[in-house]
mmCIF file of all heavy atoms, coordinates in Angstrom:
data_MODEL
# 
_entry.id   MODEL 
# 
loop_
_atom_site.group_PDB 
_atom_site.id 
_atom_site.type_symbol 
_atom_site.label_atom_id 
_atom_site.label_alt_id 
_atom_site.label_comp_id 
_atom_site.label_asym_id 
_atom_site.label_entity_id 
_atom_site.label_seq_id 
_atom_site.pdbx_PDB_ins_code 
_atom_site.Cartn_x 
_atom_site.Cartn_y 
_atom_site.Cartn_z 
_atom_site.occupancy 
_atom_site.B_iso_or_equiv 
_atom_site.pdbx_formal_charge 
_atom_site.auth_seq_id 
_atom_site.auth_comp_id 
_atom_site.auth_asym_id 
_atom_site.auth_atom_id 
_atom_site.pdbx_PDB_model_num 
ATOM 1   N N   . ASN A 1 1  ? 0.800  -1.227 -0.019 1.00 0.00 ? 1  ASN A N   1 
ATOM 2   C CA  . ASN A 1 1  ? 0.030  0.000  0.051  1.00 0.00 ? 1  ASN A CA  1 
ATOM 3   C C   . ASN A 1 1  ? 0.872  1.248  -0.017 1.00 0.00 ? 1  ASN A C   1 
ATOM 4   O O   . ASN A 1 1  ? 0.268  2.406  -0.237 1.00 0.00 ? 1  ASN A O   1 
ATOM 5   C CB  . ASN A 1 1  ? -0.953 -0.043 1.205  1.00 0.00 ? 1  ASN A CB  1 
ATOM 6   C CG  . ASN A 1 1  ? -1.934 -1.133 1.179  1.00 0.00 ? 1  ASN A CG  1 
ATOM 7   O OD1 . ASN A 1 1  ? -2.452 -1.410 0.113  1.00 0.00 ? 1  ASN A OD1 1 
ATOM 8   N ND2 . ASN A 1 1  ? -2.128 -1.739 2.335  1.00 0.00 ? 1  ASN A ND2 1 
ATOM 9   N N   . VAL A 1 2  ? 2.158  1.173  0.287  1.00 0.00 ? 2  VAL A N   1 
ATOM 10  C CA  . VAL A 1 2  ? 2.997  2.337  0.369  1.00 0.00 ? 2  VAL A CA  1 
ATOM 11  C C   . VAL A 1 2  ? 4.098  2.224  -0.635 1.00 0.00 ? 2  VAL A C   1 
ATOM 12  O O   . VAL A 1 2  ? 4.924  1.273  -0.506 1.00 0.00 ? 2  VAL A O   1 
ATOM 13  C CB  . VAL A 1 2  ? 3.512  2.539  1.739  1.00 0.00 ? 2  VAL A CB  1 
ATOM 14  C CG1 . VAL A 1 2  ? 4.453  3.755  1.798  1.00 0.00 ? 2  VAL A CG1 1 
ATOM 15  C CG2 . VAL A 1 2  ? 2.284  2.674  2.746  1.00 0.00 ? 2  VAL A CG2 1 
ATOM 16  N N   . GLY A 1 3  ? 4.319  3.098  -1.499 1.00 0.00 ? 3  GLY A N   1 
ATOM 17  C CA  . GLY A 1 3  ? 5.441  3.200  -2.489 1.00 0.00 ? 3  GLY A CA  1 
ATOM 18  C C   . GLY A 1 3  ? 5.964  4.555  -2.420 1.00 0.00 ? 3  GLY A C   1 
ATOM 19  O O   . GLY A 1 3  ? 5.271  5.527  -2.774 1.00 0.00 ? 3  GLY A O   1 
ATOM 20  N N   . PHE A 1 4  ? 7.176  4.760  -2.075 1.00 0.00 ? 4  PHE A N   1 
ATOM 21  C CA  . PHE A 1 4  ? 7.761  6.155  -2.033 1.00 0.00 ? 4  PHE A CA  1 
ATOM 22  C C   . PHE A 1 4  ? 8.497  6.477  -3.349 1.00 0.00 ? 4  PHE A C   1 
ATOM 23  O O   . PHE A 1 4  ? 9.256  5.713  -3.849 1.00 0.00 ? 4  PHE A O   1 
ATOM 24  C CB  . PHE A 1 4  ? 8.693  6.333  -0.878 1.00 0.00 ? 4  PHE A CB  1 
ATOM 25  C CG  . PHE A 1 4  ? 8.089  5.998  0.472  1.00 0.00 ? 4  PHE A CG  1 
ATOM 26  C CD1 . PHE A 1 4  ? 8.580  5.194  1.409  1.00 0.00 ? 4  PHE A CD1 1 
ATOM 27  C CD2 . PHE A 1 4  ? 6.911  6.819  0.790  1.00 0.00 ? 4  PHE A CD2 1 
ATOM 28  C CE1 . PHE A 1 4  ? 7.982  4.992  2.641  1.00 0.00 ? 4  PHE A CE1 1 
ATOM 29  C CE2 . PHE A 1 4  ? 6.280  6.621  2.123  1.00 0.00 ? 4  PHE A CE2 1 
ATOM 30  C CZ  . PHE A 1 4  ? 6.821  5.709  2.887  1.00 0.00 ? 4  PHE A CZ  1 
ATOM 31  N N   . GLY A 1 5  ? 8.396  7.712  -3.781 1.00 0.00 ? 5  GLY A N   1 
ATOM 32  C CA  . GLY A 1 5  ? 9.044  8.218  -4.944 1.00 0.00 ? 5  GLY A CA  1 
ATOM 33  C C   . GLY A 1 5  ? 9.608  9.530  -4.496 1.00 0.00 ? 5  GLY A C   1 
ATOM 34  O O   . GLY A 1 5  ? 9.859  9.912  -3.400 1.00 0.00 ? 5  GLY A O   1 
ATOM 35  N N   . ASP A 1 6  ? 9.826  10.428 -5.574 1.00 0.00 ? 6  ASP A N   1 
ATOM 36  C CA  . ASP A 1 6  ? 10.342 11.767 -5.366 1.00 0.00 ? 6  ASP A CA  1 
ATOM 37  C C   . ASP A 1 6  ? 9.325  12.617 -4.540 1.00 0.00 ? 6  ASP A C   1 
ATOM 38  O O   . ASP A 1 6  ? 8.110  12.249 -4.480 1.00 0.00 ? 6  ASP A O   1 
ATOM 39  C CB  . ASP A 1 6  ? 10.571 12.421 -6.712 1.00 0.00 ? 6  ASP A CB  1 
ATOM 40  C CG  . ASP A 1 6  ? 11.811 11.796 -7.422 1.00 0.00 ? 6  ASP A CG  1 
ATOM 41  O OD1 . ASP A 1 6  ? 12.512 11.024 -6.781 1.00 0.00 ? 6  ASP A OD1 1 
ATOM 42  O OD2 . ASP A 1 6  ? 11.907 12.069 -8.612 1.00 0.00 ? 6  ASP A OD2 1 
ATOM 43  N N   . GLY A 1 7  ? 9.646  13.661 -3.973 1.00 0.00 ? 7  GLY A N   1 
ATOM 44  C CA  . GLY A 1 7  ? 8.858  14.479 -3.209 1.00 0.00 ? 7  GLY A CA  1 
ATOM 45  C C   . GLY A 1 7  ? 8.661  14.142 -1.698 1.00 0.00 ? 7  GLY A C   1 
ATOM 46  O O   . GLY A 1 7  ? 7.722  14.592 -1.095 1.00 0.00 ? 7  GLY A O   1 
ATOM 47  N N   . LEU A 1 8  ? 9.566  13.265 -1.241 1.00 0.00 ? 8  LEU A N   1 
ATOM 48  C CA  . LEU A 1 8  ? 9.447  12.892 0.158  1.00 0.00 ? 8  LEU A CA  1 
ATOM 49  C C   . LEU A 1 8  ? 10.557 13.515 0.959  1.00 0.00 ? 8  LEU A C   1 
ATOM 50  O O   . LEU A 1 8  ? 10.655 13.291 2.230  1.00 0.00 ? 8  LEU A O   1 
ATOM 51  C CB  . LEU A 1 8  ? 9.649  11.411 0.263  1.00 0.00 ? 8  LEU A CB  1 
ATOM 52  C CG  . LEU A 1 8  ? 9.416  10.648 1.635  1.00 0.00 ? 8  LEU A CG  1 
ATOM 53  C CD1 . LEU A 1 8  ? 8.016  10.925 2.184  1.00 0.00 ? 8  LEU A CD1 1 
ATOM 54  C CD2 . LEU A 1 8  ? 9.761  9.257  1.630  1.00 0.00 ? 8  LEU A CD2 1 
ATOM 55  N N   . TYR A 1 9  ? 11.500 14.283 0.362  1.00 0.00 ? 9  TYR A N   1 
ATOM 56  C CA  . TYR A 1 9  ? 12.704 14.738 1.043  1.00 0.00 ? 9  TYR A CA  1 
ATOM 57  C C   . TYR A 1 9  ? 12.903 16.271 1.065  1.00 0.00 ? 9  TYR A C   1 
ATOM 58  O O   . TYR A 1 9  ? 13.984 16.724 1.136  1.00 0.00 ? 9  TYR A O   1 
ATOM 59  C CB  . TYR A 1 9  ? 13.945 14.095 0.359  1.00 0.00 ? 9  TYR A CB  1 
ATOM 60  C CG  . TYR A 1 9  ? 13.768 12.627 0.015  1.00 0.00 ? 9  TYR A CG  1 
ATOM 61  C CD1 . TYR A 1 9  ? 13.364 12.265 -1.257 1.00 0.00 ? 9  TYR A CD1 1 
ATOM 62  C CD2 . TYR A 1 9  ? 13.960 11.660 0.941  1.00 0.00 ? 9  TYR A CD2 1 
ATOM 63  C CE1 . TYR A 1 9  ? 13.143 10.930 -1.626 1.00 0.00 ? 9  TYR A CE1 1 
ATOM 64  C CE2 . TYR A 1 9  ? 13.769 10.343 0.637  1.00 0.00 ? 9  TYR A CE2 1 
ATOM 65  C CZ  . TYR A 1 9  ? 13.321 9.932  -0.602 1.00 0.00 ? 9  TYR A CZ  1 
ATOM 66  O OH  . TYR A 1 9  ? 13.232 8.577  -0.989 1.00 0.00 ? 9  TYR A OH  1 
ATOM 67  N N   . GLU A 1 10 ? 11.761 16.933 0.903  1.00 0.00 ? 10 GLU A N   1 
ATOM 68  C CA  . GLU A 1 10 ? 11.893 18.408 0.804  1.00 0.00 ? 10 GLU A CA  1 
ATOM 69  C C   . GLU A 1 10 ? 12.190 19.129 2.106  1.00 0.00 ? 10 GLU A C   1 
ATOM 70  O O   . GLU A 1 10 ? 12.802 20.310 2.172  1.00 0.00 ? 10 GLU A O   1 
ATOM 71  C CB  . GLU A 1 10 ? 10.506 18.942 0.219  1.00 0.00 ? 10 GLU A CB  1 
ATOM 72  C CG  . GLU A 1 10 ? 10.244 18.474 -1.146 1.00 0.00 ? 10 GLU A CG  1 
ATOM 73  C CD  . GLU A 1 10 ? 8.953  18.785 -1.693 1.00 0.00 ? 10 GLU A CD  1 
ATOM 74  O OE1 . GLU A 1 10 ? 7.915  18.199 -1.238 1.00 0.00 ? 10 GLU A OE1 1 
ATOM 75  O OE2 . GLU A 1 10 ? 8.834  19.728 -2.627 1.00 0.00 ? 10 GLU A OE2 1 
ATOM 76  N N   . SER A 1 11 ? 11.839 18.479 3.180  1.00 0.00 ? 11 SER A N   1 
ATOM 77  C CA  . SER A 1 11 ? 12.148 19.183 4.498  1.00 0.00 ? 11 SER A CA  1 
ATOM 78  C C   . SER A 1 11 ? 12.732 18.020 5.404  1.00 0.00 ? 11 SER A C   1 
ATOM 79  O O   . SER A 1 11 ? 12.224 16.939 5.500  1.00 0.00 ? 11 SER A O   1 
ATOM 80  C CB  . SER A 1 11 ? 10.884 19.787 5.225  1.00 0.00 ? 11 SER A CB  1 
ATOM 81  O OG  . SER A 1 11 ? 11.205 20.353 6.384  1.00 0.00 ? 11 SER A OG  1 
ATOM 82  N N   . ILE A 1 12 ? 13.904 18.422 6.058  1.00 0.00 ? 12 ILE A N   1 
ATOM 83  C CA  . ILE A 1 12 ? 14.493 17.469 6.854  1.00 0.00 ? 12 ILE A CA  1 
ATOM 84  C C   . ILE A 1 12 ? 14.920 18.064 8.249  1.00 0.00 ? 12 ILE A C   1 
ATOM 85  O O   . ILE A 1 12 ? 14.845 19.250 8.446  1.00 0.00 ? 12 ILE A O   1 
ATOM 86  C CB  . ILE A 1 12 ? 15.932 16.946 6.236  1.00 0.00 ? 12 ILE A CB  1 
ATOM 87  C CG1 . ILE A 1 12 ? 16.973 18.168 6.191  1.00 0.00 ? 12 ILE A CG1 1 
ATOM 88  C CG2 . ILE A 1 12 ? 15.655 16.371 4.867  1.00 0.00 ? 12 ILE A CG2 1 
ATOM 89  C CD1 . ILE A 1 12 ? 18.344 17.737 5.951  1.00 0.00 ? 12 ILE A CD1 1 
ATOM 90  N N   . ALA A 1 13 ? 15.087 17.142 9.256  1.00 0.00 ? 13 ALA A N   1 
ATOM 91  C CA  . ALA A 1 13 ? 15.566 17.590 10.589 1.00 0.00 ? 13 ALA A CA  1 
ATOM 92  C C   . ALA A 1 13 ? 16.545 16.430 11.100 1.00 0.00 ? 13 ALA A C   1 
ATOM 93  O O   . ALA A 1 13 ? 16.207 15.297 10.908 1.00 0.00 ? 13 ALA A O   1 
ATOM 94  C CB  . ALA A 1 13 ? 14.322 17.750 11.490 1.00 0.00 ? 13 ALA A CB  1 
ATOM 95  N N   . VAL A 1 14 ? 17.562 17.013 11.745 1.00 0.00 ? 14 VAL A N   1 
ATOM 96  C CA  . VAL A 1 14 ? 18.558 16.121 12.338 1.00 0.00 ? 14 VAL A CA  1 
ATOM 97  C C   . VAL A 1 14 ? 18.289 15.998 13.912 1.00 0.00 ? 14 VAL A C   1 
ATOM 98  O O   . VAL A 1 14 ? 17.985 17.170 14.545 1.00 0.00 ? 14 VAL A O   1 
ATOM 99  C CB  . VAL A 1 14 ? 19.975 16.629 12.080 1.00 0.00 ? 14 VAL A CB  1 
ATOM 100 C CG1 . VAL A 1 14 ? 21.000 15.713 12.724 1.00 0.00 ? 14 VAL A CG1 1 
ATOM 101 C CG2 . VAL A 1 14 ? 20.239 16.638 10.609 1.00 0.00 ? 14 VAL A CG2 1 
ATOM 102 N N   . SER A 1 15 ? 18.299 14.786 14.426 1.00 0.00 ? 15 SER A N   1 
ATOM 103 C CA  . SER A 1 15 ? 18.056 14.643 15.878 1.00 0.00 ? 15 SER A CA  1 
ATOM 104 C C   . SER A 1 15 ? 19.211 15.288 16.691 1.00 0.00 ? 15 SER A C   1 
ATOM 105 O O   . SER A 1 15 ? 20.273 15.444 16.143 1.00 0.00 ? 15 SER A O   1 
ATOM 106 C CB  . SER A 1 15 ? 17.933 13.197 16.156 1.00 0.00 ? 15 SER A CB  1 
ATOM 107 O OG  . SER A 1 15 ? 19.110 12.496 15.904 1.00 0.00 ? 15 SER A OG  1 
ATOM 108 N N   . ARG A 1 16 ? 18.881 15.506 18.004 1.00 0.00 ? 16 ARG A N   1 
ATOM 109 C CA  . ARG A 1 16 ? 19.919 16.138 18.829 1.00 0.00 ? 16 ARG A CA  1 
ATOM 110 C C   . ARG A 1 16 ? 21.131 15.294 18.978 1.00 0.00 ? 16 ARG A C   1 
ATOM 111 O O   . ARG A 1 16 ? 22.266 15.891 19.080 1.00 0.00 ? 16 ARG A O   1 
ATOM 112 C CB  . ARG A 1 16 ? 19.229 16.344 20.171 1.00 0.00 ? 16 ARG A CB  1 
ATOM 113 C CG  . ARG A 1 16 ? 20.087 17.089 21.162 1.00 0.00 ? 16 ARG A CG  1 
ATOM 114 C CD  . ARG A 1 16 ? 20.301 18.588 20.711 1.00 0.00 ? 16 ARG A CD  1 
ATOM 115 N NE  . ARG A 1 16 ? 21.061 19.415 21.740 1.00 0.00 ? 16 ARG A NE  1 
ATOM 116 C CZ  . ARG A 1 16 ? 21.425 20.574 21.511 1.00 0.00 ? 16 ARG A CZ  1 
ATOM 117 N NH1 . ARG A 1 16 ? 21.091 21.226 20.369 1.00 0.00 ? 16 ARG A NH1 1 
ATOM 118 N NH2 . ARG A 1 16 ? 22.041 21.267 22.374 1.00 0.00 ? 16 ARG A NH2 1 
ATOM 119 N N   . ASP A 1 17 ? 20.987 14.034 18.996 1.00 0.00 ? 17 ASP A N   1 
ATOM 120 C CA  . ASP A 1 17 ? 22.185 13.173 19.154 1.00 0.00 ? 17 ASP A CA  1 
ATOM 121 C C   . ASP A 1 17 ? 22.941 12.944 17.773 1.00 0.00 ? 17 ASP A C   1 
ATOM 122 O O   . ASP A 1 17 ? 23.956 12.366 17.814 1.00 0.00 ? 17 ASP A O   1 
ATOM 123 C CB  . ASP A 1 17 ? 21.860 11.801 19.775 1.00 0.00 ? 17 ASP A CB  1 
ATOM 124 C CG  . ASP A 1 17 ? 20.712 11.042 18.932 1.00 0.00 ? 17 ASP A CG  1 
ATOM 125 O OD1 . ASP A 1 17 ? 20.558 11.441 17.789 1.00 0.00 ? 17 ASP A OD1 1 
ATOM 126 O OD2 . ASP A 1 17 ? 20.293 9.944  19.435 1.00 0.00 ? 17 ASP A OD2 1 
ATOM 127 N N   . GLY A 1 18 ? 22.391 13.410 16.699 1.00 0.00 ? 18 GLY A N   1 
ATOM 128 C CA  . GLY A 1 18 ? 23.041 13.283 15.358 1.00 0.00 ? 18 GLY A CA  1 
ATOM 129 C C   . GLY A 1 18 ? 22.988 11.974 14.750 1.00 0.00 ? 18 GLY A C   1 
ATOM 130 O O   . GLY A 1 18 ? 23.506 11.738 13.728 1.00 0.00 ? 18 GLY A O   1 
ATOM 131 N N   . LEU A 1 19 ? 22.198 11.045 15.383 1.00 0.00 ? 19 LEU A N   1 
ATOM 132 C CA  . LEU A 1 19 ? 22.091 9.696  14.828 1.00 0.00 ? 19 LEU A CA  1 
ATOM 133 C C   . LEU A 1 19 ? 21.014 9.426  13.874 1.00 0.00 ? 19 LEU A C   1 
ATOM 134 O O   . LEU A 1 19 ? 20.960 8.469  13.134 1.00 0.00 ? 19 LEU A O   1 
ATOM 135 C CB  . LEU A 1 19 ? 22.020 8.705  16.004 1.00 0.00 ? 19 LEU A CB  1 
ATOM 136 C CG  . LEU A 1 19 ? 23.111 8.816  17.023 1.00 0.00 ? 19 LEU A CG  1 
ATOM 137 C CD1 . LEU A 1 19 ? 22.962 7.690  18.085 1.00 0.00 ? 19 LEU A CD1 1 
ATOM 138 C CD2 . LEU A 1 19 ? 24.540 8.473  16.311 1.00 0.00 ? 19 LEU A CD2 1 
ATOM 139 N N   . SER A 1 20 ? 20.043 10.300 13.882 1.00 0.00 ? 20 SER A N   1 
ATOM 140 C CA  . SER A 1 20 ? 18.852 10.140 12.990 1.00 0.00 ? 20 SER A CA  1 
ATOM 141 C C   . SER A 1 20 ? 18.528 11.385 12.304 1.00 0.00 ? 20 SER A C   1 
ATOM 142 O O   . SER A 1 20 ? 18.768 12.442 12.670 1.00 0.00 ? 20 SER A O   1 
ATOM 143 C CB  . SER A 1 20 ? 17.646 9.817  13.889 1.00 0.00 ? 20 SER A CB  1 
ATOM 144 O OG  . SER A 1 20 ? 17.830 8.542  14.586 1.00 0.00 ? 20 SER A OG  1 
ATOM 145 N N   . VAL A 1 21 ? 17.995 11.179 11.044 1.00 0.00 ? 21 VAL A N   1 
ATOM 146 C CA  . VAL A 1 21 ? 17.486 12.351 10.174 1.00 0.00 ? 21 VAL A CA  1 
ATOM 147 C C   . VAL A 1 21 ? 16.148 11.947 9.744  1.00 0.00 ? 21 VAL A C   1 
ATOM 148 O O   . VAL A 1 21 ? 15.899 10.857 9.172  1.00 0.00 ? 21 VAL A O   1 
ATOM 149 C CB  . VAL A 1 21 ? 18.521 12.581 9.065  1.00 0.00 ? 21 VAL A CB  1 
ATOM 150 C CG1 . VAL A 1 21 ? 18.746 11.394 8.138  1.00 0.00 ? 21 VAL A CG1 1 
ATOM 151 C CG2 . VAL A 1 21 ? 17.979 13.741 8.173  1.00 0.00 ? 21 VAL A CG2 1 
ATOM 152 N N   . ALA A 1 22 ? 15.210 12.928 9.961  1.00 0.00 ? 22 ALA A N   1 
ATOM 153 C CA  . ALA A 1 22 ? 13.873 12.640 9.525  1.00 0.00 ? 22 ALA A CA  1 
ATOM 154 C C   . ALA A 1 22 ? 13.539 13.445 8.270  1.00 0.00 ? 22 ALA A C   1 
ATOM 155 O O   . ALA A 1 22 ? 14.133 14.563 8.076  1.00 0.00 ? 22 ALA A O   1 
ATOM 156 C CB  . ALA A 1 22 ? 12.879 13.036 10.613 1.00 0.00 ? 22 ALA A CB  1 
ATOM 157 N N   . SER A 1 23 ? 12.614 13.005 7.569  1.00 0.00 ? 23 SER A N   1 
ATOM 158 C CA  . SER A 1 23 ? 12.309 13.525 6.206  1.00 0.00 ? 23 SER A CA  1 
ATOM 159 C C   . SER A 1 23 ? 10.888 13.583 5.898  1.00 0.00 ? 23 SER A C   1 
ATOM 160 O O   . SER A 1 23 ? 10.168 12.627 6.201  1.00 0.00 ? 23 SER A O   1 
ATOM 161 C CB  . SER A 1 23 ? 13.066 12.767 5.069  1.00 0.00 ? 23 SER A CB  1 
ATOM 162 O OG  . SER A 1 23 ? 12.780 13.261 3.756  1.00 0.00 ? 23 SER A OG  1 
ATOM 163 N N   . VAL A 1 24 ? 10.300 14.771 5.307  1.00 0.00 ? 24 VAL A N   1 
ATOM 164 C CA  . VAL A 1 24 ? 8.903  14.805 4.810  1.00 0.00 ? 24 VAL A CA  1 
ATOM 165 C C   . VAL A 1 24 ? 8.790  15.518 3.536  1.00 0.00 ? 24 VAL A C   1 
ATOM 166 O O   . VAL A 1 24 ? 9.944  16.091 3.191  1.00 0.00 ? 24 VAL A O   1 
ATOM 167 C CB  . VAL A 1 24 ? 7.980  15.347 5.941  1.00 0.00 ? 24 VAL A CB  1 
ATOM 168 C CG1 . VAL A 1 24 ? 7.971  14.686 7.166  1.00 0.00 ? 24 VAL A CG1 1 
ATOM 169 C CG2 . VAL A 1 24 ? 8.378  16.834 6.066  1.00 0.00 ? 24 VAL A CG2 1 
ATOM 170 N N   . GLY A 1 25 ? 7.764  15.445 2.855  1.00 0.00 ? 25 GLY A N   1 
ATOM 171 C CA  . GLY A 1 25 ? 7.579  16.158 1.576  1.00 0.00 ? 25 GLY A CA  1 
ATOM 172 C C   . GLY A 1 25 ? 6.155  16.476 1.426  1.00 0.00 ? 25 GLY A C   1 
ATOM 173 O O   . GLY A 1 25 ? 5.302  16.039 2.208  1.00 0.00 ? 25 GLY A O   1 
ATOM 174 N N   . THR A 1 26 ? 5.905  17.256 0.359  1.00 0.00 ? 26 THR A N   1 
ATOM 175 C CA  . THR A 1 26 ? 4.561  17.667 0.122  1.00 0.00 ? 26 THR A CA  1 
ATOM 176 C C   . THR A 1 26 ? 3.686  16.716 -0.600 1.00 0.00 ? 26 THR A C   1 
ATOM 177 O O   . THR A 1 26 ? 2.590  17.053 -0.844 1.00 0.00 ? 26 THR A O   1 
ATOM 178 C CB  . THR A 1 26 ? 4.651  19.064 -0.706 1.00 0.00 ? 26 THR A CB  1 
ATOM 179 O OG1 . THR A 1 26 ? 5.366  18.873 -1.866 1.00 0.00 ? 26 THR A OG1 1 
ATOM 180 C CG2 . THR A 1 26 ? 5.324  20.178 0.087  1.00 0.00 ? 26 THR A CG2 1 
ATOM 181 N N   . ASP A 1 27 ? 4.333  15.565 -0.959 1.00 0.00 ? 27 ASP A N   1 
ATOM 182 C CA  . ASP A 1 27 ? 3.491  14.691 -1.824 1.00 0.00 ? 27 ASP A CA  1 
ATOM 183 C C   . ASP A 1 27 ? 3.081  13.407 -0.992 1.00 0.00 ? 27 ASP A C   1 
ATOM 184 O O   . ASP A 1 27 ? 2.235  12.748 -1.353 1.00 0.00 ? 27 ASP A O   1 
ATOM 185 C CB  . ASP A 1 27 ? 4.382  14.097 -2.911 1.00 0.00 ? 27 ASP A CB  1 
ATOM 186 C CG  . ASP A 1 27 ? 4.587  15.059 -3.981 1.00 0.00 ? 27 ASP A CG  1 
ATOM 187 O OD1 . ASP A 1 27 ? 4.038  16.226 -3.916 1.00 0.00 ? 27 ASP A OD1 1 
ATOM 188 O OD2 . ASP A 1 27 ? 5.462  14.894 -4.822 1.00 0.00 ? 27 ASP A OD2 1 
ATOM 189 N N   . TYR A 1 28 ? 3.541  13.340 0.266  1.00 0.00 ? 28 TYR A N   1 
ATOM 190 C CA  . TYR A 1 28 ? 3.151  12.086 1.046  1.00 0.00 ? 28 TYR A CA  1 
ATOM 191 C C   . TYR A 1 28 ? 2.821  12.505 2.471  1.00 0.00 ? 28 TYR A C   1 
ATOM 192 O O   . TYR A 1 28 ? 3.418  13.413 2.991  1.00 0.00 ? 28 TYR A O   1 
ATOM 193 C CB  . TYR A 1 28 ? 4.372  11.098 1.144  1.00 0.00 ? 28 TYR A CB  1 
ATOM 194 C CG  . TYR A 1 28 ? 4.779  10.533 -0.233 1.00 0.00 ? 28 TYR A CG  1 
ATOM 195 C CD1 . TYR A 1 28 ? 5.708  11.104 -0.966 1.00 0.00 ? 28 TYR A CD1 1 
ATOM 196 C CD2 . TYR A 1 28 ? 4.104  9.384  -0.727 1.00 0.00 ? 28 TYR A CD2 1 
ATOM 197 C CE1 . TYR A 1 28 ? 6.232  10.616 -2.201 1.00 0.00 ? 28 TYR A CE1 1 
ATOM 198 C CE2 . TYR A 1 28 ? 4.578  8.870  -2.000 1.00 0.00 ? 28 TYR A CE2 1 
ATOM 199 C CZ  . TYR A 1 28 ? 5.549  9.519  -2.672 1.00 0.00 ? 28 TYR A CZ  1 
ATOM 200 O OH  . TYR A 1 28 ? 5.927  9.028  -3.923 1.00 0.00 ? 28 TYR A OH  1 
# 
């Protein structure tokens, strides 16, 4: 049910410990 393509990486944030990076986009 979930297939990711372009448009998922337009905004990012790095966690305080620097071990994780989160990503969102206007398409998903």
